[in-house]
Amino acid sequence: MADLESARTIALSHAETEEFQHFDHPAFRIRKGKIFATLWLKENKMMVKLRPLDQSIFHTYDPRIFYPVPNKWGLQGATFVELGKVRQDMLEDIIQLAWQTAGLKNAKSKRK
């Protein structure tokens, strides 16, 4: 199972990623642009930003580990990951996907 430090290490292992504070949560963004993940220290979970389709795939796999953030952000793909329950390889996959998704959105916004 994963923990907060392994989630942080995985997030920071991606190119052009930086960590900063966002509403009292350690957050990770690509190229000083889009946030792709935040750590929820007290709750021992991570929020990752996915496309709604990707969110539904992970949620279908195990809704106790992967579930939408309970508000409008959740409807847009913001997904909680329970770190104490998720396998390390699945955490790596979901963070990679969130990083790729944010990178694509960031590249599109810079072209405008």
Protein backbone atom coordinates (compact mmCIF):
# COMPACT_ATOMS: atom_id res chain seq x y z
CA MET A 1 0.00 0.00 0.00
CA ALA A 2 1.05 3.59 -0.61
CA ASP A 3 1.61 6.49 1.77
CA LEU A 4 1.88 10.28 1.60
CA GLU A 5 5.63 10.32 0.97
CA SER A 6 5.46 7.79 -1.85
CA ALA A 7 2.65 9.81 -3.45
CA ARG A 8 4.78 12.96 -3.17
CA THR A 9 7.82 11.19 -4.63
CA ILE A 10 5.84 9.79 -7.55
CA ALA A 11 4.28 13.18 -8.35
CA LEU A 12 7.64 14.97 -8.23
CA SER A 13 9.29 12.33 -10.43
CA HIS A 14 7.39 13.68 -13.46
CA ALA A 15 9.14 16.21 -15.68
CA GLU A 16 8.46 19.91 -15.17
CA THR A 17 6.56 19.29 -11.93
CA GLU A 18 6.75 21.55 -8.92
CA GLU A 19 5.22 21.36 -5.46
CA PHE A 20 3.57 24.36 -3.81
CA GLN A 21 0.90 25.10 -1.18
CA HIS A 22 -2.69 25.38 -2.41
CA PHE A 23 -5.39 26.04 0.20
CA ASP A 24 -3.28 24.36 2.93
CA HIS A 25 -2.61 21.30 0.79
CA PRO A 26 0.67 20.34 -0.89
CA ALA A 27 -0.15 20.58 -4.60
CA PHE A 28 1.64 19.52 -7.77
CA ARG A 29 1.50 21.30 -11.08
CA ILE A 30 3.14 20.99 -14.46
CA ARG A 31 5.01 23.88 -16.10
CA LYS A 32 3.71 26.41 -13.54
CA GLY A 33 0.29 25.76 -15.01
CA LYS A 34 -2.38 23.21 -14.22
CA ILE A 35 -2.56 21.40 -10.89
CA PHE A 36 -2.74 17.66 -11.39
CA ALA A 37 -2.74 16.47 -7.76
CA THR A 38 -3.00 17.58 -4.14
CA LEU A 39 -2.19 15.74 -0.92
CA TRP A 40 -4.71 15.67 1.90
CA LEU A 41 -2.37 15.06 4.81
CA LYS A 42 -4.85 14.60 7.67
CA GLU A 43 -7.08 12.34 5.58
CA ASN A 44 -4.19 10.27 4.12
CA LYS A 45 -5.47 10.65 0.58
CA MET A 46 -4.59 12.31 -2.68
CA MET A 47 -6.78 14.18 -5.11
CA VAL A 48 -5.91 13.74 -8.77
CA LYS A 49 -7.50 15.53 -11.71
CA LEU A 50 -8.65 13.14 -14.41
CA ARG A 51 -11.01 13.26 -17.33
CA PRO A 52 -14.49 12.12 -16.19
CA LEU A 53 -14.18 8.97 -18.34
CA ASP A 54 -10.89 8.01 -16.68
CA GLN A 55 -12.38 8.75 -13.27
CA SER A 56 -15.27 6.37 -13.98
CA ILE A 57 -12.89 3.58 -14.99
CA PHE A 58 -10.88 3.81 -11.77
CA HIS A 59 -14.06 4.21 -9.69
CA THR A 60 -15.57 1.12 -11.29
CA TYR A 61 -12.42 -0.86 -10.46
CA ASP A 62 -12.77 -0.12 -6.72
CA PRO A 63 -15.03 2.67 -5.40
CA ARG A 64 -13.53 2.30 -1.89
CA ILE A 65 -10.14 3.44 -3.25
CA PHE A 66 -11.06 5.78 -6.14
CA TYR A 67 -14.07 8.07 -5.87
CA PRO A 68 -15.18 11.51 -7.07
CA VAL A 69 -14.57 14.56 -4.90
CA PRO A 70 -18.07 15.32 -3.52
CA ASN A 71 -18.84 18.61 -5.29
CA LYS A 72 -18.79 20.15 -8.76
CA TRP A 73 -15.06 19.37 -9.04
CA GLY A 74 -15.88 15.68 -8.73
CA LEU A 75 -18.22 15.95 -11.71
CA GLN A 76 -15.30 17.39 -13.70
CA GLY A 77 -12.97 14.49 -12.88
CA ALA A 78 -11.43 15.44 -9.51
CA THR A 79 -10.86 12.05 -7.89
CA PHE A 80 -9.83 11.04 -4.38
CA VAL A 81 -7.39 8.16 -3.93
CA GLU A 82 -7.26 6.43 -0.53
CA LEU A 83 -3.51 6.03 -0.02
CA GLY A 84 -3.75 3.38 2.69
CA LYS A 85 -5.72 1.11 0.36
CA VAL A 86 -4.17 1.66 -3.09
CA ARG A 87 -1.43 -0.52 -4.54
CA GLN A 88 1.78 1.32 -5.39
CA ASP A 89 1.58 0.43 -9.10
CA MET A 90 -1.98 1.73 -9.36
CA LEU A 91 -0.99 4.97 -7.62
CA GLU A 92 1.83 5.39 -10.13
CA ASP A 93 -0.62 4.84 -12.99
CA ILE A 94 -3.24 7.31 -11.76
CA ILE A 95 -0.67 10.03 -11.01
CA GLN A 96 0.90 9.52 -14.45
CA LEU A 97 -2.53 9.85 -16.06
CA ALA A 98 -3.33 13.02 -14.08
CA TRP A 99 0.05 14.51 -15.04
CA GLN A 100 -0.53 13.71 -18.72
CA THR A 101 -4.04 15.16 -18.62
CA ALA A 102 -2.83 18.40 -17.00
CA GLY A 103 0.03 18.64 -19.47
CA LEU A 104 -2.33 18.38 -22.41
CA LYS A 105 -4.66 21.03 -20.98
CA ASN A 106 -1.70 23.30 -20.23
CA ALA A 107 -0.35 22.93 -23.78
CA LYS A 108 -3.77 23.72 -25.29
CA SER A 109 -4.21 26.86 -23.17
CA LYS A 110 -0.77 28.19 -24.21
CA ARG A 111 -1.64 27.84 -27.91
CA LYS A 112 -4.60 30.23 -27.61
